[in-house]
Amino acid sequence: MNVTKKRKFDFNDYFEAALYILAAVCFLYFLPKGNKPKIFQPILIITVLALIKVIKNILKLDFFPALRFSMLAFIFVAMFLANEFDFYSLIPGLDKIEHLFSGVILAFIGLVVFEYINRNERSLKISPSTKLLFSLFFSIAMAGCWEIYEFTTDHLFGLRSQNNSLLDTMTDVICGTVGAIIAYIYLRYNNSKKSNSNH
């Protein structure tokens, strides 16, 4: 008789469940008030959370705990605090915190992308340094790509994502780069710990 073990809930499972519950509460709270942006935001949050899970399952990606936590934390900060609860007016530097967070997340995603690209190349001996440098440069490149996107939409649609300021643009890129470096150091430290434990 086969007995299958149930997967234990970890902190990220509780965190994700809390985000779903908070989104539902926000939807029910703002629905009677008829505040369309505040009603739409919880729907968007639930959609994003579900979409992440769908993509993960379809592509069979391995979201390690630090990546999953950083993604959930980013959703909480950027979509709940910033947009749903209007914390932009309360915390002037919140936008920069988001860019710092995104640098960390994109570095982690870079590592997942590298593993996915090379999933069928088991015979290749790829050094850990190559993986980590790929994740670092992937994140920095994505920070630049995001600013290109903001620049393009600002000029095409008259938006003010960059506040028509080179200082704002460069600060965002720097914050994203700092986040990428923090993630790189974390991954490097974790990798060295694993190497030492295997010896």
C-alpha atoms as a PDB file:
ATOM      1  CA  MET A   1       0.000   0.000   0.000  1.00  0.00           C
ATOM      2  CA  ASN A   2       1.457   3.330  -1.100  1.00  0.00           C
ATOM      3  CA  VAL A   3       1.299   6.094   1.444  1.00  0.00           C
ATOM      4  CA  THR A   4       1.870   9.556   0.007  1.00  0.00           C
ATOM      5  CA  LYS A   5       3.155  12.173   2.355  1.00  0.00           C
ATOM      6  CA  LYS A   6       1.341  15.456   2.364  1.00  0.00           C
ATOM      7  CA  ARG A   7       3.571  18.443   1.710  1.00  0.00           C
ATOM      8  CA  LYS A   8       3.911  20.563   4.796  1.00  0.00           C
ATOM      9  CA  PHE A   9       2.959  24.224   4.635  1.00  0.00           C
ATOM     10  CA  ASP A  10       5.948  26.513   4.868  1.00  0.00           C
ATOM     11  CA  PHE A  11       5.994  30.230   5.671  1.00  0.00           C
ATOM     12  CA  ASN A  12       5.534  31.189   2.009  1.00  0.00           C
ATOM     13  CA  ASP A  13       2.325  29.139   1.794  1.00  0.00           C
ATOM     14  CA  TYR A  14       0.874  31.076   4.730  1.00  0.00           C
ATOM     15  CA  PHE A  15       2.139  34.357   3.262  1.00  0.00           C
ATOM     16  CA  GLU A  16       0.487  33.621  -0.090  1.00  0.00           C
ATOM     17  CA  ALA A  17      -2.767  32.573   1.584  1.00  0.00           C
ATOM     18  CA  ALA A  18      -2.734  35.825   3.578  1.00  0.00           C
ATOM     19  CA  LEU A  19      -2.364  37.842   0.358  1.00  0.00           C
ATOM     20  CA  TYR A  20      -5.378  36.065  -1.171  1.00  0.00           C
ATOM     21  CA  ILE A  21      -7.438  36.769   1.968  1.00  0.00           C
ATOM     22  CA  LEU A  22      -6.317  40.417   2.110  1.00  0.00           C
ATOM     23  CA  ALA A  23      -7.195  40.868  -1.570  1.00  0.00           C
ATOM     24  CA  ALA A  24     -10.672  39.412  -0.972  1.00  0.00           C
ATOM     25  CA  VAL A  25     -11.212  41.682   2.050  1.00  0.00           C
ATOM     26  CA  CYS A  26     -10.139  44.767   0.054  1.00  0.00           C
ATOM     27  CA  PHE A  27     -12.465  43.814  -2.805  1.00  0.00           C
ATOM     28  CA  LEU A  28     -15.435  43.386  -0.466  1.00  0.00           C
ATOM     29  CA  TYR A  29     -14.605  46.618   1.387  1.00  0.00           C
ATOM     30  CA  PHE A  30     -14.308  48.847  -1.694  1.00  0.00           C
ATOM     31  CA  LEU A  31     -17.078  47.213  -3.747  1.00  0.00           C
ATOM     32  CA  PRO A  32     -19.984  49.004  -1.954  1.00  0.00           C
ATOM     33  CA  LYS A  33     -18.043  52.279  -2.184  1.00  0.00           C
ATOM     34  CA  GLY A  34     -17.884  51.992  -5.986  1.00  0.00           C
ATOM     35  CA  ASN A  35     -14.171  52.880  -6.069  1.00  0.00           C
ATOM     36  CA  LYS A  36     -13.240  51.213  -9.375  1.00  0.00           C
ATOM     37  CA  PRO A  37      -9.398  51.384  -9.105  1.00  0.00           C
ATOM     38  CA  LYS A  38      -9.536  49.976  -5.567  1.00  0.00           C
ATOM     39  CA  ILE A  39     -11.958  47.248  -6.701  1.00  0.00           C
ATOM     40  CA  PHE A  40      -9.830  46.343  -9.724  1.00  0.00           C
ATOM     41  CA  GLN A  41      -6.528  46.146  -7.783  1.00  0.00           C
ATOM     42  CA  PRO A  42      -7.479  43.084  -5.642  1.00  0.00           C
ATOM     43  CA  ILE A  43      -8.695  41.314  -8.792  1.00  0.00           C
ATOM     44  CA  LEU A  44      -5.350  42.089 -10.430  1.00  0.00           C
ATOM     45  CA  ILE A  45      -3.452  40.833  -7.361  1.00  0.00           C
ATOM     46  CA  ILE A  46      -5.328  37.516  -7.328  1.00  0.00           C
ATOM     47  CA  THR A  47      -4.771  37.177 -11.086  1.00  0.00           C
ATOM     48  CA  VAL A  48      -1.022  37.787 -10.704  1.00  0.00           C
ATOM     49  CA  LEU A  49      -0.726  35.274  -7.843  1.00  0.00           C
ATOM     50  CA  ALA A  50      -2.633  32.641  -9.836  1.00  0.00           C
ATOM     51  CA  LEU A  51      -0.665  33.381 -13.014  1.00  0.00           C
ATOM     52  CA  ILE A  52       2.670  32.899 -11.235  1.00  0.00           C
ATOM     53  CA  LYS A  53       1.511  29.473 -10.052  1.00  0.00           C
ATOM     54  CA  VAL A  54       0.219  28.509 -13.521  1.00  0.00           C
ATOM     55  CA  ILE A  55       3.483  29.517 -15.241  1.00  0.00           C
ATOM     56  CA  LYS A  56       5.497  27.678 -12.571  1.00  0.00           C
ATOM     57  CA  ASN A  57       3.485  24.483 -13.080  1.00  0.00           C
ATOM     58  CA  ILE A  58       3.387  24.619 -16.883  1.00  0.00           C
ATOM     59  CA  LEU A  59       7.132  25.234 -17.264  1.00  0.00           C
ATOM     60  CA  LYS A  60       7.948  23.042 -14.223  1.00  0.00           C
ATOM     61  CA  LEU A  61      10.114  25.747 -12.710  1.00  0.00           C
ATOM     62  CA  ASP A  62      11.785  25.433  -9.337  1.00  0.00           C
ATOM     63  CA  PHE A  63      10.927  28.481  -7.232  1.00  0.00           C
ATOM     64  CA  PHE A  64      13.287  28.209  -4.284  1.00  0.00           C
ATOM     65  CA  PRO A  65      12.038  29.748  -0.983  1.00  0.00           C
ATOM     66  CA  ALA A  66      13.997  33.034  -1.235  1.00  0.00           C
ATOM     67  CA  LEU A  67      12.625  33.714  -4.740  1.00  0.00           C
ATOM     68  CA  ARG A  68       9.063  32.897  -3.744  1.00  0.00           C
ATOM     69  CA  PHE A  69       9.264  35.042  -0.621  1.00  0.00           C
ATOM     70  CA  SER A  70      10.722  38.023  -2.492  1.00  0.00           C
ATOM     71  CA  MET A  71       7.987  37.797  -5.146  1.00  0.00           C
ATOM     72  CA  LEU A  72       5.233  37.684  -2.525  1.00  0.00           C
ATOM     73  CA  ALA A  73       6.853  40.524  -0.572  1.00  0.00           C
ATOM     74  CA  PHE A  74       7.075  42.611  -3.749  1.00  0.00           C
ATOM     75  CA  ILE A  75       3.381  42.027  -4.488  1.00  0.00           C
ATOM     76  CA  PHE A  76       2.539  43.099  -0.935  1.00  0.00           C
ATOM     77  CA  VAL A  77       4.651  46.272  -1.111  1.00  0.00           C
ATOM     78  CA  ALA A  78       3.958  47.331  -4.710  1.00  0.00           C
ATOM     79  CA  MET A  79       0.352  46.237  -5.166  1.00  0.00           C
ATOM     80  CA  PHE A  80      -1.087  46.456  -1.660  1.00  0.00           C
ATOM     81  CA  LEU A  81       0.861  49.139   0.206  1.00  0.00           C
ATOM     82  CA  ALA A  82       1.662  51.393  -2.762  1.00  0.00           C
ATOM     83  CA  ASN A  83      -1.477  51.127  -4.894  1.00  0.00           C
ATOM     84  CA  GLU A  84      -4.314  49.773  -2.756  1.00  0.00           C
ATOM     85  CA  PHE A  85      -3.425  51.641   0.456  1.00  0.00           C
ATOM     86  CA  ASP A  86      -1.813  54.738  -1.147  1.00  0.00           C
ATOM     87  CA  PHE A  87       1.464  54.476   0.781  1.00  0.00           C
ATOM     88  CA  TYR A  88       3.258  56.481  -1.937  1.00  0.00           C
ATOM     89  CA  SER A  89       2.118  59.645  -0.156  1.00  0.00           C
ATOM     90  CA  LEU A  90       3.182  58.304   3.261  1.00  0.00           C
ATOM     91  CA  ILE A  91       6.579  56.868   2.234  1.00  0.00           C
ATOM     92  CA  PRO A  92       8.304  59.178  -0.303  1.00  0.00           C
ATOM     93  CA  GLY A  93      11.008  56.621  -1.172  1.00  0.00           C
ATOM     94  CA  LEU A  94       8.643  53.679  -1.659  1.00  0.00           C
ATOM     95  CA  ASP A  95       9.233  53.640  -5.420  1.00  0.00           C
ATOM     96  CA  LYS A  96      12.978  53.193  -4.841  1.00  0.00           C
ATOM     97  CA  ILE A  97      12.316  50.358  -2.370  1.00  0.00           C
ATOM     98  CA  GLU A  98      10.277  48.648  -5.095  1.00  0.00           C
ATOM     99  CA  HIS A  99      13.140  48.977  -7.573  1.00  0.00           C
ATOM    100  CA  LEU A 100      15.546  47.579  -4.966  1.00  0.00           C
ATOM    101  CA  PHE A 101      13.179  44.648  -4.411  1.00  0.00           C
ATOM    102  CA  SER A 102      12.830  44.090  -8.149  1.00  0.00           C
ATOM    103  CA  GLY A 103      16.621  43.858  -8.501  1.00  0.00           C
ATOM    104  CA  VAL A 104      16.664  41.028  -5.950  1.00  0.00           C
ATOM    105  CA  ILE A 105      13.728  39.215  -7.569  1.00  0.00           C
ATOM    106  CA  LEU A 106      15.142  39.516 -11.095  1.00  0.00           C
ATOM    107  CA  ALA A 107      18.496  38.114  -9.966  1.00  0.00           C
ATOM    108  CA  PHE A 108      16.691  35.107  -8.488  1.00  0.00           C
ATOM    109  CA  ILE A 109      14.597  34.766 -11.651  1.00  0.00           C
ATOM    110  CA  GLY A 110      17.808  34.975 -13.695  1.00  0.00           C
ATOM    111  CA  LEU A 111      19.078  31.900 -11.864  1.00  0.00           C
ATOM    112  CA  VAL A 112      15.815  30.046 -12.594  1.00  0.00           C
ATOM    113  CA  VAL A 113      16.012  31.107 -16.270  1.00  0.00           C
ATOM    114  CA  PHE A 114      19.605  29.844 -16.498  1.00  0.00           C
ATOM    115  CA  GLU A 115      18.624  26.486 -14.987  1.00  0.00           C
ATOM    116  CA  TYR A 116      15.626  26.243 -17.340  1.00  0.00           C
ATOM    117  CA  ILE A 117      17.682  27.023 -20.454  1.00  0.00           C
ATOM    118  CA  ASN A 118      20.265  24.392 -19.534  1.00  0.00           C
ATOM    119  CA  ARG A 119      17.852  21.793 -18.135  1.00  0.00           C
ATOM    120  CA  ASN A 120      18.670  19.278 -20.908  1.00  0.00           C
ATOM    121  CA  GLU A 121      22.428  19.830 -20.770  1.00  0.00           C
ATOM    122  CA  ARG A 122      23.160  17.562 -17.815  1.00  0.00           C
ATOM    123  CA  SER A 123      26.498  16.482 -19.290  1.00  0.00           C
ATOM    124  CA  LEU A 124      27.824  20.052 -19.285  1.00  0.00           C
ATOM    125  CA  LYS A 125      29.854  21.058 -16.283  1.00  0.00           C
ATOM    126  CA  ILE A 126      28.807  24.638 -15.640  1.00  0.00           C
ATOM    127  CA  SER A 127      30.568  26.374 -12.798  1.00  0.00           C
ATOM    128  CA  PRO A 128      28.401  27.970 -10.088  1.00  0.00           C
ATOM    129  CA  SER A 129      30.126  31.304 -10.788  1.00  0.00           C
ATOM    130  CA  THR A 130      28.746  31.282 -14.344  1.00  0.00           C
ATOM    131  CA  LYS A 131      25.195  30.790 -13.056  1.00  0.00           C
ATOM    132  CA  LEU A 132      25.532  33.524 -10.462  1.00  0.00           C
ATOM    133  CA  LEU A 133      27.107  36.026 -12.853  1.00  0.00           C
ATOM    134  CA  PHE A 134      24.316  35.314 -15.359  1.00  0.00           C
ATOM    135  CA  SER A 135      21.704  36.038 -12.663  1.00  0.00           C
ATOM    136  CA  LEU A 136      23.497  39.270 -11.707  1.00  0.00           C
ATOM    137  CA  PHE A 137      23.777  40.613 -15.253  1.00  0.00           C
ATOM    138  CA  PHE A 138      20.268  39.414 -16.131  1.00  0.00           C
ATOM    139  CA  SER A 139      18.850  41.511 -13.293  1.00  0.00           C
ATOM    140  CA  ILE A 140      20.894  44.609 -14.171  1.00  0.00           C
ATOM    141  CA  ALA A 141      19.889  44.301 -17.841  1.00  0.00           C
ATOM    142  CA  MET A 142      16.204  43.981 -16.906  1.00  0.00           C
ATOM    143  CA  ALA A 143      16.460  47.147 -14.768  1.00  0.00           C
ATOM    144  CA  GLY A 144      17.645  48.982 -17.886  1.00  0.00           C
ATOM    145  CA  CYS A 145      14.922  47.397 -20.044  1.00  0.00           C
ATOM    146  CA  TRP A 146      12.252  48.535 -17.581  1.00  0.00           C
ATOM    147  CA  GLU A 147      13.458  52.131 -17.803  1.00  0.00           C
ATOM    148  CA  ILE A 148      13.403  51.886 -21.617  1.00  0.00           C
ATOM    149  CA  TYR A 149       9.786  50.717 -21.340  1.00  0.00           C
ATOM    150  CA  GLU A 150       8.891  53.626 -19.022  1.00  0.00           C
ATOM    151  CA  PHE A 151      10.672  56.123 -21.287  1.00  0.00           C
ATOM    152  CA  THR A 152       8.789  54.776 -24.333  1.00  0.00           C
ATOM    153  CA  THR A 153       5.341  54.794 -22.714  1.00  0.00           C
ATOM    154  CA  ASP A 154       5.927  58.265 -21.233  1.00  0.00           C
ATOM    155  CA  HIS A 155       6.720  59.717 -24.649  1.00  0.00           C
ATOM    156  CA  LEU A 156       4.073  57.792 -26.585  1.00  0.00           C
ATOM    157  CA  PHE A 157       1.159  58.185 -24.160  1.00  0.00           C
ATOM    158  CA  GLY A 158       2.089  61.294 -22.189  1.00  0.00           C
ATOM    159  CA  LEU A 159       2.632  59.433 -18.927  1.00  0.00           C
ATOM    160  CA  ARG A 160       4.964  60.550 -16.138  1.00  0.00           C
ATOM    161  CA  SER A 161       6.511  57.298 -14.931  1.00  0.00           C
ATOM    162  CA  GLN A 162       9.992  58.849 -15.002  1.00  0.00           C
ATOM    163  CA  ASN A 163       8.848  62.306 -13.873  1.00  0.00           C
ATOM    164  CA  ASN A 164      10.617  63.640 -16.984  1.00  0.00           C
ATOM    165  CA  SER A 165      13.827  63.350 -14.961  1.00  0.00           C
ATOM    166  CA  LEU A 166      17.159  61.692 -15.758  1.00  0.00           C
ATOM    167  CA  LEU A 167      17.867  61.661 -11.999  1.00  0.00           C
ATOM    168  CA  ASP A 168      14.746  59.573 -11.359  1.00  0.00           C
ATOM    169  CA  THR A 169      15.656  57.167 -14.173  1.00  0.00           C
ATOM    170  CA  MET A 170      19.248  56.680 -13.071  1.00  0.00           C
ATOM    171  CA  THR A 171      18.282  56.315  -9.394  1.00  0.00           C
ATOM    172  CA  ASP A 172      15.839  53.555 -10.373  1.00  0.00           C
ATOM    173  CA  VAL A 173      18.566  51.752 -12.351  1.00  0.00           C
ATOM    174  CA  ILE A 174      21.012  52.125  -9.457  1.00  0.00           C
ATOM    175  CA  CYS A 175      18.445  50.772  -6.966  1.00  0.00           C
ATOM    176  CA  GLY A 176      17.764  47.789  -9.239  1.00  0.00           C
ATOM    177  CA  THR A 177      21.514  47.183  -9.587  1.00  0.00           C
ATOM    178  CA  VAL A 178      22.048  47.360  -5.804  1.00  0.00           C
ATOM    179  CA  GLY A 179      19.224  44.837  -5.355  1.00  0.00           C
ATOM    180  CA  ALA A 180      20.883  42.558  -7.922  1.00  0.00           C
ATOM    181  CA  ILE A 181      24.222  42.793  -6.083  1.00  0.00           C
ATOM    182  CA  ILE A 182      22.535  41.979  -2.741  1.00  0.00           C
ATOM    183  CA  ALA A 183      20.927  38.897  -4.318  1.00  0.00           C
ATOM    184  CA  TYR A 184      24.260  37.912  -5.896  1.00  0.00           C
ATOM    185  CA  ILE A 185      26.024  38.095  -2.522  1.00  0.00           C
ATOM    186  CA  TYR A 186      23.219  36.049  -0.914  1.00  0.00           C
ATOM    187  CA  LEU A 187      23.372  33.384  -3.655  1.00  0.00           C
ATOM    188  CA  ARG A 188      27.170  33.307  -3.501  1.00  0.00           C
ATOM    189  CA  TYR A 189      27.076  32.816   0.271  1.00  0.00           C
ATOM    190  CA  ASN A 190      24.471  30.043  -0.024  1.00  0.00           C
ATOM    191  CA  ASN A 191      26.502  28.328  -2.721  1.00  0.00           C
ATOM    192  CA  SER A 192      29.691  28.418  -0.633  1.00  0.00           C
ATOM    193  CA  LYS A 193      27.768  26.978   2.347  1.00  0.00           C
ATOM    194  CA  LYS A 194      26.537  24.083   0.194  1.00  0.00           C
ATOM    195  CA  SER A 195      30.031  23.467  -1.188  1.00  0.00           C
ATOM    196  CA  ASN A 196      31.520  23.365   2.311  1.00  0.00           C
ATOM    197  CA  SER A 197      28.830  20.991   3.588  1.00  0.00           C
ATOM    198  CA  ASN A 198      29.471  18.574   0.690  1.00  0.00           C
ATOM    199  CA  HIS A 199      33.179  18.310   1.522  1.00  0.00           C
END
